[in-house]
Each structure stands twice: as structure tokens, then as C-alpha cells.
Amino acid sequence: MATGDFNGDGQTDLTVAEPAKNVVAVLPGNGDGTFGPTMSFAVGSGPAAIAVDDFNGDGAPDVLAADAASNAVAVRLNAATSPAPAVPTRRRWAVGARYPARR
């Protein structure tokens, strides 16, 4: 689970990994402790952890998901236009292939 203003409306939004659905879900904050309708974005196979940061330097929070089932990370780059959360661009990189440990 992580937070950020994904839709640029000045309210804190929530994002969570949903491994069974292979998505991250963004719940837009209403500013009063409640959330609007959930929007889901595909990230890969079995997102196990997520992080939020401005990965491409455009000033908007992006979402990184560590995909446990595929040994990859997926980054959803934010292209928000208020009021709808938008994290449409997905990039994936393979990492941590299951190689034997060196001794």
C-alpha cells in the first residue's frame, strides 16, 4: 500500500497491489477520509510490493510494482488529468532471474 496525489486534485490517493488480479488499484481520495471509485491498472504477474515516486521527473507520482511471479518490476507512469487517476503507461524490466548462488 502507498499514497500519492495520482490525479492532481490536491487530495491524497491510495494505491494497493492486488496480486490475484495482477493489477495495482488506485482509490482516489475525496479529502474527507473516504475514497472514490477504484481504478485498476495491469502491472504484471503477482505484484507483491509497490512503491510510489516520481520516476520520470515530470512532477507526478508514478507507481512501481515488484512482480513476484515474473521476476520483474513494472512502472506505471502517471499521466493524470484531474479528477480521474491515470497511470496508463506501463514499462517492465526483468530482474532477479533465479540463478544459482555463487560460492
PDB file of N, CA and C in Angstrom:
ATOM      1  N   MET A   1       0.844  -1.151   0.000  1.00  0.00           N
ATOM      2  CA  MET A   1       0.000   0.000   0.000  1.00  0.00           C
ATOM      3  C   MET A   1       0.902   1.231   0.000  1.00  0.00           C
ATOM      4  N   ALA A   2       0.495   2.255  -0.769  1.00  0.00           N
ATOM      5  CA  ALA A   2       1.253   3.503  -0.822  1.00  0.00           C
ATOM      6  C   ALA A   2       0.289   4.634  -1.145  1.00  0.00           C
ATOM      7  N   THR A   3       0.739   5.850  -0.905  1.00  0.00           N
ATOM      8  CA  THR A   3      -0.111   7.009  -1.166  1.00  0.00           C
ATOM      9  C   THR A   3       0.577   7.995  -2.087  1.00  0.00           C
ATOM     10  N   GLY A   4      -0.212   8.841  -2.703  1.00  0.00           N
ATOM     11  CA  GLY A   4       0.277   9.917  -3.556  1.00  0.00           C
ATOM     12  C   GLY A   4      -0.927  10.638  -4.134  1.00  0.00           C
ATOM     13  N   ASP A   5      -0.697  11.789  -4.723  1.00  0.00           N
ATOM     14  CA  ASP A   5      -1.786  12.510  -5.404  1.00  0.00           C
ATOM     15  C   ASP A   5      -1.727  12.134  -6.871  1.00  0.00           C
ATOM     16  N   PHE A   6      -2.365  11.032  -7.225  1.00  0.00           N
ATOM     17  CA  PHE A   6      -2.256  10.479  -8.567  1.00  0.00           C
ATOM     18  C   PHE A   6      -3.081  11.227  -9.609  1.00  0.00           C
ATOM     19  N   ASN A   7      -4.090  11.973  -9.182  1.00  0.00           N
ATOM     20  CA  ASN A   7      -4.929  12.669 -10.151  1.00  0.00           C
ATOM     21  C   ASN A   7      -4.760  14.184 -10.118  1.00  0.00           C
ATOM     22  N   GLY A   8      -3.828  14.686  -9.315  1.00  0.00           N
ATOM     23  CA  GLY A   8      -3.518  16.102  -9.319  1.00  0.00           C
ATOM     24  C   GLY A   8      -4.566  17.012  -8.731  1.00  0.00           C
ATOM     25  N   ASP A   9      -5.455  16.468  -7.883  1.00  0.00           N
ATOM     26  CA  ASP A   9      -6.516  17.298  -7.308  1.00  0.00           C
ATOM     27  C   ASP A   9      -6.169  17.825  -5.920  1.00  0.00           C
ATOM     28  N   GLY A  10      -4.945  17.552  -5.449  1.00  0.00           N
ATOM     29  CA  GLY A  10      -4.523  18.032  -4.145  1.00  0.00           C
ATOM     30  C   GLY A  10      -4.922  17.138  -2.986  1.00  0.00           C
ATOM     31  N   GLN A  11      -5.612  16.029  -3.250  1.00  0.00           N
ATOM     32  CA  GLN A  11      -6.036  15.087  -2.211  1.00  0.00           C
ATOM     33  C   GLN A  11      -5.152  13.847  -2.258  1.00  0.00           C
ATOM     34  N   THR A  12      -4.937  13.233  -1.098  1.00  0.00           N
ATOM     35  CA  THR A  12      -4.134  12.017  -1.034  1.00  0.00           C
ATOM     36  C   THR A  12      -4.942  10.827  -1.530  1.00  0.00           C
ATOM     37  N   ASP A  13      -4.375  10.113  -2.496  1.00  0.00           N
ATOM     38  CA  ASP A  13      -4.987   8.912  -3.053  1.00  0.00           C
ATOM     39  C   ASP A  13      -4.238   7.697  -2.520  1.00  0.00           C
ATOM     40  N   LEU A  14      -4.857   6.548  -2.595  1.00  0.00           N
ATOM     41  CA  LEU A  14      -4.295   5.308  -2.088  1.00  0.00           C
ATOM     42  C   LEU A  14      -4.087   4.350  -3.253  1.00  0.00           C
ATOM     43  N   THR A  15      -2.983   3.628  -3.244  1.00  0.00           N
ATOM     44  CA  THR A  15      -2.776   2.576  -4.224  1.00  0.00           C
ATOM     45  C   THR A  15      -2.377   1.299  -3.495  1.00  0.00           C
ATOM     46  N   VAL A  16      -2.908   0.184  -3.958  1.00  0.00           N
ATOM     47  CA  VAL A  16      -2.636  -1.118  -3.350  1.00  0.00           C
ATOM     48  C   VAL A  16      -2.368  -2.142  -4.445  1.00  0.00           C
ATOM     49  N   ALA A  17      -1.513  -3.107  -4.129  1.00  0.00           N
ATOM     50  CA  ALA A  17      -1.258  -4.214  -5.044  1.00  0.00           C
ATOM     51  C   ALA A  17      -2.355  -5.255  -4.876  1.00  0.00           C
ATOM     52  N   GLU A  18      -2.821  -5.794  -5.984  1.00  0.00           N
ATOM     53  CA  GLU A  18      -3.793  -6.887  -5.971  1.00  0.00           C
ATOM     54  C   GLU A  18      -3.189  -8.069  -6.727  1.00  0.00           C
ATOM     55  N   PRO A  19      -2.388  -8.909  -6.034  1.00  0.00           N
ATOM     56  CA  PRO A  19      -1.681 -10.000  -6.707  1.00  0.00           C
ATOM     57  C   PRO A  19      -2.587 -10.986  -7.433  1.00  0.00           C
ATOM     58  N   ALA A  20      -3.731 -11.281  -6.902  1.00  0.00           N
ATOM     59  CA  ALA A  20      -4.621 -12.256  -7.535  1.00  0.00           C
ATOM     60  C   ALA A  20      -5.166 -11.743  -8.875  1.00  0.00           C
ATOM     61  N   LYS A  21      -5.198 -10.428  -9.043  1.00  0.00           N
ATOM     62  CA  LYS A  21      -5.719  -9.829 -10.280  1.00  0.00           C
ATOM     63  C   LYS A  21      -4.608  -9.288 -11.178  1.00  0.00           C
ATOM     64  N   ASN A  22      -3.342  -9.332 -10.702  1.00  0.00           N
ATOM     65  CA  ASN A  22      -2.199  -8.810 -11.459  1.00  0.00           C
ATOM     66  C   ASN A  22      -2.339  -7.326 -11.777  1.00  0.00           C
ATOM     67  N   VAL A  23      -2.848  -6.563 -10.824  1.00  0.00           N
ATOM     68  CA  VAL A  23      -3.057  -5.129 -11.014  1.00  0.00           C
ATOM     69  C   VAL A  23      -2.637  -4.364  -9.758  1.00  0.00           C
ATOM     70  N   VAL A  24      -2.487  -3.049  -9.929  1.00  0.00           N
ATOM     71  CA  VAL A  24      -2.480  -2.133  -8.795  1.00  0.00           C
ATOM     72  C   VAL A  24      -3.777  -1.347  -8.898  1.00  0.00           C
ATOM     73  N   ALA A  25      -4.392  -1.130  -7.760  1.00  0.00           N
ATOM     74  CA  ALA A  25      -5.649  -0.385  -7.712  1.00  0.00           C
ATOM     75  C   ALA A  25      -5.379   0.990  -7.124  1.00  0.00           C
ATOM     76  N   VAL A  26      -5.959   2.007  -7.727  1.00  0.00           N
ATOM     77  CA  VAL A  26      -5.856   3.371  -7.222  1.00  0.00           C
ATOM     78  C   VAL A  26      -7.230   3.789  -6.737  1.00  0.00           C
ATOM     79  N   LEU A  27      -7.271   4.227  -5.481  1.00  0.00           N
ATOM     80  CA  LEU A  27      -8.518   4.724  -4.892  1.00  0.00           C
ATOM     81  C   LEU A  27      -8.357   6.224  -4.684  1.00  0.00           C
ATOM     82  N   PRO A  28      -9.044   7.054  -5.464  1.00  0.00           N
ATOM     83  CA  PRO A  28      -8.883   8.500  -5.339  1.00  0.00           C
ATOM     84  C   PRO A  28      -9.480   9.019  -4.030  1.00  0.00           C
ATOM     85  N   GLY A  29      -8.688   9.789  -3.295  1.00  0.00           N
ATOM     86  CA  GLY A  29      -9.158  10.356  -2.035  1.00  0.00           C
ATOM     87  C   GLY A  29     -10.124  11.500  -2.261  1.00  0.00           C
ATOM     88  N   ASN A  30     -11.148  11.541  -1.436  1.00  0.00           N
ATOM     89  CA  ASN A  30     -12.139  12.614  -1.523  1.00  0.00           C
ATOM     90  C   ASN A  30     -11.799  13.789  -0.610  1.00  0.00           C
ATOM     91  N   GLY A  31     -10.775  13.641   0.226  1.00  0.00           N
ATOM     92  CA  GLY A  31     -10.378  14.709   1.126  1.00  0.00           C
ATOM     93  C   GLY A  31     -11.081  14.698   2.467  1.00  0.00           C
ATOM     94  N   ASP A  32     -11.999  13.756   2.653  1.00  0.00           N
ATOM     95  CA  ASP A  32     -12.740  13.677   3.917  1.00  0.00           C
ATOM     96  C   ASP A  32     -12.591  12.314   4.579  1.00  0.00           C
ATOM     97  N   GLY A  33     -11.556  11.562   4.160  1.00  0.00           N
ATOM     98  CA  GLY A  33     -11.328  10.231   4.717  1.00  0.00           C
ATOM     99  C   GLY A  33     -12.005   9.119   3.938  1.00  0.00           C
ATOM    100  N   THR A  34     -12.740   9.472   2.890  1.00  0.00           N
ATOM    101  CA  THR A  34     -13.383   8.467   2.040  1.00  0.00           C
ATOM    102  C   THR A  34     -12.699   8.454   0.680  1.00  0.00           C
ATOM    103  N   PHE A  35     -13.038   7.456  -0.124  1.00  0.00           N
ATOM    104  CA  PHE A  35     -12.411   7.299  -1.429  1.00  0.00           C
ATOM    105  C   PHE A  35     -13.467   7.149  -2.511  1.00  0.00           C
ATOM    106  N   GLY A  36     -13.096   7.573  -3.722  1.00  0.00           N
ATOM    107  CA  GLY A  36     -13.966   7.422  -4.882  1.00  0.00           C
ATOM    108  C   GLY A  36     -13.815   6.033  -5.480  1.00  0.00           C
ATOM    109  N   PRO A  37     -14.415   5.821  -6.648  1.00  0.00           N
ATOM    110  CA  PRO A  37     -14.377   4.513  -7.308  1.00  0.00           C
ATOM    111  C   PRO A  37     -12.945   4.062  -7.625  1.00  0.00           C
ATOM    112  N   THR A  38     -12.697   2.784  -7.431  1.00  0.00           N
ATOM    113  CA  THR A  38     -11.393   2.193  -7.686  1.00  0.00           C
ATOM    114  C   THR A  38     -11.122   2.092  -9.176  1.00  0.00           C
ATOM    115  N   MET A  39      -9.889   2.418  -9.547  1.00  0.00           N
ATOM    116  CA  MET A  39      -9.422   2.212 -10.915  1.00  0.00           C
ATOM    117  C   MET A  39      -8.256   1.246 -10.844  1.00  0.00           C
ATOM    118  N   SER A  40      -8.222   0.227 -11.716  1.00  0.00           N
ATOM    119  CA  SER A  40      -7.165  -0.781 -11.689  1.00  0.00           C
ATOM    120  C   SER A  40      -6.300  -0.688 -12.939  1.00  0.00           C
ATOM    121  N   PHE A  41      -4.995  -0.970 -12.756  1.00  0.00           N
ATOM    122  CA  PHE A  41      -4.037  -0.903 -13.844  1.00  0.00           C
ATOM    123  C   PHE A  41      -3.176  -2.153 -13.834  1.00  0.00           C
ATOM    124  N   ALA A  42      -3.076  -2.820 -14.989  1.00  0.00           N
ATOM    125  CA  ALA A  42      -2.266  -4.036 -15.104  1.00  0.00           C
ATOM    126  C   ALA A  42      -0.797  -3.709 -14.881  1.00  0.00           C
ATOM    127  N   VAL A  43      -0.100  -4.598 -14.154  1.00  0.00           N
ATOM    128  CA  VAL A  43       1.322  -4.386 -13.905  1.00  0.00           C
ATOM    129  C   VAL A  43       2.188  -5.584 -14.250  1.00  0.00           C
ATOM    130  N   GLY A  44       1.683  -6.772 -14.234  1.00  0.00           N
ATOM    131  CA  GLY A  44       2.494  -7.961 -14.484  1.00  0.00           C
ATOM    132  C   GLY A  44       1.916  -9.144 -13.748  1.00  0.00           C
ATOM    133  N   SER A  45       2.786 -10.040 -13.315  1.00  0.00           N
ATOM    134  CA  SER A  45       2.335 -11.271 -12.676  1.00  0.00           C
ATOM    135  C   SER A  45       2.607 -11.255 -11.180  1.00  0.00           C
ATOM    136  N   GLY A  46       1.558 -11.158 -10.399  1.00  0.00           N
ATOM    137  CA  GLY A  46       1.668 -11.251  -8.949  1.00  0.00           C
ATOM    138  C   GLY A  46       2.384 -10.098  -8.282  1.00  0.00           C
ATOM    139  N   PRO A  47       1.886  -8.862  -8.425  1.00  0.00           N
ATOM    140  CA  PRO A  47       2.549  -7.751  -7.746  1.00  0.00           C
ATOM    141  C   PRO A  47       2.587  -7.987  -6.239  1.00  0.00           C
ATOM    142  N   ALA A  48       3.799  -8.030  -5.688  1.00  0.00           N
ATOM    143  CA  ALA A  48       3.973  -8.350  -4.281  1.00  0.00           C
ATOM    144  C   ALA A  48       4.248  -7.116  -3.429  1.00  0.00           C
ATOM    145  N   ALA A  49       4.788  -6.085  -4.051  1.00  0.00           N
ATOM    146  CA  ALA A  49       5.112  -4.853  -3.335  1.00  0.00           C
ATOM    147  C   ALA A  49       5.017  -3.691  -4.309  1.00  0.00           C
ATOM    148  N   ILE A  50       4.699  -2.512  -3.772  1.00  0.00           N
ATOM    149  CA  ILE A  50       4.640  -1.326  -4.613  1.00  0.00           C
ATOM    150  C   ILE A  50       5.390  -0.181  -3.943  1.00  0.00           C
ATOM    151  N   ALA A  51       5.821   0.762  -4.770  1.00  0.00           N
ATOM    152  CA  ALA A  51       6.467   1.979  -4.290  1.00  0.00           C
ATOM    153  C   ALA A  51       5.971   3.125  -5.150  1.00  0.00           C
ATOM    154  N   VAL A  52       5.931   4.306  -4.564  1.00  0.00           N
ATOM    155  CA  VAL A  52       5.481   5.495  -5.281  1.00  0.00           C
ATOM    156  C   VAL A  52       6.607   6.525  -5.249  1.00  0.00           C
ATOM    157  N   ASP A  53       6.918   7.085  -6.402  1.00  0.00           N
ATOM    158  CA  ASP A  53       7.901   8.156  -6.521  1.00  0.00           C
ATOM    159  C   ASP A  53       7.733   8.765  -7.903  1.00  0.00           C
ATOM    160  N   ASP A  54       8.410   9.856  -8.157  1.00  0.00           N
ATOM    161  CA  ASP A  54       8.392  10.478  -9.478  1.00  0.00           C
ATOM    162  C   ASP A  54       9.553   9.893 -10.266  1.00  0.00           C
ATOM    163  N   PHE A  55       9.337   8.745 -10.900  1.00  0.00           N
ATOM    164  CA  PHE A  55      10.418   8.008 -11.546  1.00  0.00           C
ATOM    165  C   PHE A  55      10.899   8.640 -12.843  1.00  0.00           C
ATOM    166  N   ASN A  56      10.077   9.457 -13.499  1.00  0.00           N
ATOM    167  CA  ASN A  56      10.497  10.063 -14.764  1.00  0.00           C
ATOM    168  C   ASN A  56      10.703  11.576 -14.675  1.00  0.00           C
ATOM    169  N   GLY A  57      10.642  12.143 -13.469  1.00  0.00           N
ATOM    170  CA  GLY A  57      10.975  13.543 -13.270  1.00  0.00           C
ATOM    171  C   GLY A  57       9.982  14.557 -13.809  1.00  0.00           C
ATOM    172  N   ASP A  58       8.720  14.153 -13.989  1.00  0.00           N
ATOM    173  CA  ASP A  58       7.731  15.100 -14.513  1.00  0.00           C
ATOM    174  C   ASP A  58       6.901  15.774 -13.432  1.00  0.00           C
ATOM    175  N   GLY A  59       7.207  15.491 -12.157  1.00  0.00           N
ATOM    176  CA  GLY A  59       6.489  16.104 -11.049  1.00  0.00           C
ATOM    177  C   GLY A  59       5.253  15.357 -10.595  1.00  0.00           C
ATOM    178  N   ALA A  60       4.897  14.272 -11.252  1.00  0.00           N
ATOM    179  CA  ALA A  60       3.717  13.482 -10.884  1.00  0.00           C
ATOM    180  C   ALA A  60       4.161  12.145 -10.301  1.00  0.00           C
ATOM    181  N   PRO A  61       3.455  11.637  -9.274  1.00  0.00           N
ATOM    182  CA  PRO A  61       3.848  10.354  -8.685  1.00  0.00           C
ATOM    183  C   PRO A  61       3.548   9.186  -9.619  1.00  0.00           C
ATOM    184  N   ASP A  62       4.521   8.308  -9.762  1.00  0.00           N
ATOM    185  CA  ASP A  62       4.389   7.102 -10.570  1.00  0.00           C
ATOM    186  C   ASP A  62       4.352   5.906  -9.624  1.00  0.00           C
ATOM    187  N   VAL A  63       3.943   4.742 -10.133  1.00  0.00           N
ATOM    188  CA  VAL A  63       3.830   3.536  -9.311  1.00  0.00           C
ATOM    189  C   VAL A  63       4.763   2.462  -9.854  1.00  0.00           C
ATOM    190  N   LEU A  64       5.582   1.901  -8.967  1.00  0.00           N
ATOM    191  CA  LEU A  64       6.439   0.778  -9.296  1.00  0.00           C
ATOM    192  C   LEU A  64       5.891  -0.446  -8.578  1.00  0.00           C
ATOM    193  N   ALA A  65       5.785  -1.557  -9.294  1.00  0.00           N
ATOM    194  CA  ALA A  65       5.310  -2.805  -8.698  1.00  0.00           C
ATOM    195  C   ALA A  65       6.357  -3.889  -8.909  1.00  0.00           C
ATOM    196  N   ALA A  66       6.705  -4.580  -7.831  1.00  0.00           N
ATOM    197  CA  ALA A  66       7.597  -5.733  -7.911  1.00  0.00           C
ATOM    198  C   ALA A  66       6.731  -6.954  -8.163  1.00  0.00           C
ATOM    199  N   ASP A  67       6.905  -7.560  -9.335  1.00  0.00           N
ATOM    200  CA  ASP A  67       6.091  -8.702  -9.739  1.00  0.00           C
ATOM    201  C   ASP A  67       6.796 -10.001  -9.354  1.00  0.00           C
ATOM    202  N   ALA A  68       6.348 -10.606  -8.270  1.00  0.00           N
ATOM    203  CA  ALA A  68       6.992 -11.800  -7.731  1.00  0.00           C
ATOM    204  C   ALA A  68       6.927 -12.988  -8.680  1.00  0.00           C
ATOM    205  N   ALA A  69       5.816 -13.179  -9.348  1.00  0.00           N
ATOM    206  CA  ALA A  69       5.645 -14.363 -10.187  1.00  0.00           C
ATOM    207  C   ALA A  69       6.461 -14.313 -11.471  1.00  0.00           C
ATOM    208  N   SER A  70       6.847 -13.101 -11.913  1.00  0.00           N
ATOM    209  CA  SER A  70       7.577 -12.989 -13.172  1.00  0.00           C
ATOM    210  C   SER A  70       8.997 -12.462 -13.008  1.00  0.00           C
ATOM    211  N   ASN A  71       9.446 -12.281 -11.752  1.00  0.00           N
ATOM    212  CA  ASN A  71      10.788 -11.743 -11.515  1.00  0.00           C
ATOM    213  C   ASN A  71      11.039 -10.481 -12.324  1.00  0.00           C
ATOM    214  N   ALA A  72      10.113  -9.540 -12.225  1.00  0.00           N
ATOM    215  CA  ALA A  72      10.222  -8.290 -12.978  1.00  0.00           C
ATOM    216  C   ALA A  72       9.694  -7.147 -12.124  1.00  0.00           C
ATOM    217  N   VAL A  73      10.010  -5.947 -12.556  1.00  0.00           N
ATOM    218  CA  VAL A  73       9.376  -4.770 -11.977  1.00  0.00           C
ATOM    219  C   VAL A  73       8.620  -4.073 -13.095  1.00  0.00           C
ATOM    220  N   ALA A  74       7.484  -3.516 -12.746  1.00  0.00           N
ATOM    221  CA  ALA A  74       6.686  -2.765 -13.701  1.00  0.00           C
ATOM    222  C   ALA A  74       6.516  -1.356 -13.145  1.00  0.00           C
ATOM    223  N   VAL A  75       6.674  -0.369 -13.988  1.00  0.00           N
ATOM    224  CA  VAL A  75       6.466   1.017 -13.601  1.00  0.00           C
ATOM    225  C   VAL A  75       5.316   1.570 -14.418  1.00  0.00           C
ATOM    226  N   ARG A  76       4.320   2.110 -13.713  1.00  0.00           N
ATOM    227  CA  ARG A  76       3.208   2.791 -14.373  1.00  0.00           C
ATOM    228  C   ARG A  76       3.480   4.278 -14.246  1.00  0.00           C
ATOM    229  N   LEU A  77       3.703   4.934 -15.383  1.00  0.00           N
ATOM    230  CA  LEU A  77       3.993   6.360 -15.393  1.00  0.00           C
ATOM    231  C   LEU A  77       2.690   7.142 -15.381  1.00  0.00           C
ATOM    232  N   ASN A  78       2.605   8.125 -14.506  1.00  0.00           N
ATOM    233  CA  ASN A  78       1.396   8.906 -14.296  1.00  0.00           C
ATOM    234  C   ASN A  78       1.208   9.912 -15.428  1.00  0.00           C
ATOM    235  N   ALA A  79       0.011   9.966 -15.945  1.00  0.00           N
ATOM    236  CA  ALA A  79      -0.378  10.958 -16.943  1.00  0.00           C
ATOM    237  C   ALA A  79      -1.709  11.557 -16.509  1.00  0.00           C
ATOM    238  N   ALA A  80      -1.769  11.979 -15.259  1.00  0.00           N
ATOM    239  CA  ALA A  80      -3.026  12.385 -14.625  1.00  0.00           C
ATOM    240  C   ALA A  80      -3.622  13.636 -15.233  1.00  0.00           C
ATOM    241  N   THR A  81      -4.927  13.585 -15.352  1.00  0.00           N
ATOM    242  CA  THR A  81      -5.734  14.740 -15.668  1.00  0.00           C
ATOM    243  C   THR A  81      -6.871  14.704 -14.675  1.00  0.00           C
ATOM    244  N   SER A  82      -6.883  15.655 -13.749  1.00  0.00           N
ATOM    245  CA  SER A  82      -7.885  15.659 -12.683  1.00  0.00           C
ATOM    246  C   SER A  82      -9.275  15.652 -13.311  1.00  0.00           C
ATOM    247  N   PRO A  83     -10.246  14.958 -12.719  1.00  0.00           N
ATOM    248  CA  PRO A  83     -10.210  14.294 -11.432  1.00  0.00           C
ATOM    249  C   PRO A  83      -9.922  12.801 -11.506  1.00  0.00           C
ATOM    250  N   ALA A  84      -9.699  12.230 -12.669  1.00  0.00           N
ATOM    251  CA  ALA A  84      -9.521  10.773 -12.758  1.00  0.00           C
ATOM    252  C   ALA A  84      -8.059  10.388 -12.600  1.00  0.00           C
ATOM    253  N   PRO A  85      -7.736   9.406 -11.733  1.00  0.00           N
ATOM    254  CA  PRO A  85      -6.365   8.922 -11.658  1.00  0.00           C
ATOM    255  C   PRO A  85      -5.983   8.296 -12.984  1.00  0.00           C
ATOM    256  N   ALA A  86      -4.782   8.572 -13.428  1.00  0.00           N
ATOM    257  CA  ALA A  86      -4.339   7.994 -14.690  1.00  0.00           C
ATOM    258  C   ALA A  86      -2.899   7.566 -14.560  1.00  0.00           C
ATOM    259  N   VAL A  87      -2.647   6.299 -14.646  1.00  0.00           N
ATOM    260  CA  VAL A  87      -1.299   5.759 -14.602  1.00  0.00           C
ATOM    261  C   VAL A  87      -1.201   4.799 -15.792  1.00  0.00           C
ATOM    262  N   PRO A  88      -1.326   5.354 -17.030  1.00  0.00           N
ATOM    263  CA  PRO A  88      -1.550   4.497 -18.183  1.00  0.00           C
ATOM    264  C   PRO A  88      -0.332   3.832 -18.796  1.00  0.00           C
ATOM    265  N   THR A  89       0.843   4.421 -18.706  1.00  0.00           N
ATOM    266  CA  THR A  89       1.994   3.890 -19.415  1.00  0.00           C
ATOM    267  C   THR A  89       2.717   2.860 -18.575  1.00  0.00           C
ATOM    268  N   ARG A  90       2.825   1.646 -19.089  1.00  0.00           N
ATOM    269  CA  ARG A  90       3.494   0.579 -18.342  1.00  0.00           C
ATOM    270  C   ARG A  90       4.819   0.246 -19.006  1.00  0.00           C
ATOM    271  N   ARG A  91       5.854   0.117 -18.191  1.00  0.00           N
ATOM    272  CA  ARG A  91       7.159  -0.340 -18.626  1.00  0.00           C
ATOM    273  C   ARG A  91       7.556  -1.492 -17.702  1.00  0.00           C
ATOM    274  N   ARG A  92       8.158  -2.559 -18.270  1.00  0.00           N
ATOM    275  CA  ARG A  92       8.564  -3.702 -17.449  1.00  0.00           C
ATOM    276  C   ARG A  92      10.027  -4.022 -17.703  1.00  0.00           C
ATOM    277  N   TRP A  93      10.714  -4.452 -16.623  1.00  0.00           N
ATOM    278  CA  TRP A  93      12.098  -4.880 -16.696  1.00  0.00           C
ATOM    279  C   TRP A  93      12.245  -6.189 -15.947  1.00  0.00           C
ATOM    280  N   ALA A  94      12.929  -7.146 -16.565  1.00  0.00           N
ATOM    281  CA  ALA A  94      13.203  -8.410 -15.890  1.00  0.00           C
ATOM    282  C   ALA A  94      14.311  -8.186 -14.870  1.00  0.00           C
ATOM    283  N   VAL A  95      14.160  -8.786 -13.711  1.00  0.00           N
ATOM    284  CA  VAL A  95      15.170  -8.675 -12.658  1.00  0.00           C
ATOM    285  C   VAL A  95      15.248  -9.991 -11.904  1.00  0.00           C
ATOM    286  N   GLY A  96      16.343 -10.225 -11.230  1.00  0.00           N
ATOM    287  CA  GLY A  96      16.452 -11.321 -10.283  1.00  0.00           C
ATOM    288  C   GLY A  96      16.084 -12.683 -10.807  1.00  0.00           C
ATOM    289  N   ALA A  97      16.514 -13.010 -12.009  1.00  0.00           N
ATOM    290  CA  ALA A  97      16.246 -14.358 -12.504  1.00  0.00           C
ATOM    291  C   ALA A  97      16.813 -15.362 -11.502  1.00  0.00           C
ATOM    292  N   ARG A  98      16.242 -16.496 -11.438  1.00  0.00           N
ATOM    293  CA  ARG A  98      16.600 -17.483 -10.406  1.00  0.00           C
ATOM    294  C   ARG A  98      17.864 -18.246 -10.777  1.00  0.00           C
ATOM    295  N   TYR A  99      18.979 -17.578 -10.608  1.00  0.00           N
ATOM    296  CA  TYR A  99      20.272 -18.202 -10.869  1.00  0.00           C
ATOM    297  C   TYR A  99      20.792 -18.844  -9.593  1.00  0.00           C
ATOM    298  N   PRO A 100      21.617 -19.903  -9.707  1.00  0.00           N
ATOM    299  CA  PRO A 100      22.221 -20.481  -8.503  1.00  0.00           C
ATOM    300  C   PRO A 100      23.156 -19.456  -7.860  1.00  0.00           C
ATOM    301  N   ALA A 101      23.199 -19.456  -6.550  1.00  0.00           N
ATOM    302  CA  ALA A 101      24.088 -18.533  -5.835  1.00  0.00           C
ATOM    303  C   ALA A 101      25.544 -18.944  -6.058  1.00  0.00           C
ATOM    304  N   ARG A 102      26.411 -17.928  -6.196  1.00  0.00           N
ATOM    305  CA  ARG A 102      27.842 -18.221  -6.330  1.00  0.00           C
ATOM    306  C   ARG A 102      28.428 -18.556  -4.975  1.00  0.00           C
ATOM    307  N   ARG A 103      29.397 -19.439  -4.992  1.00  0.00           N
ATOM    308  CA  ARG A 103      30.067 -19.821  -3.739  1.00  0.00           C
ATOM    309  C   ARG A 103      31.515 -19.509  -3.839  1.00  0.00           C
TER     310      ARG A 103
END
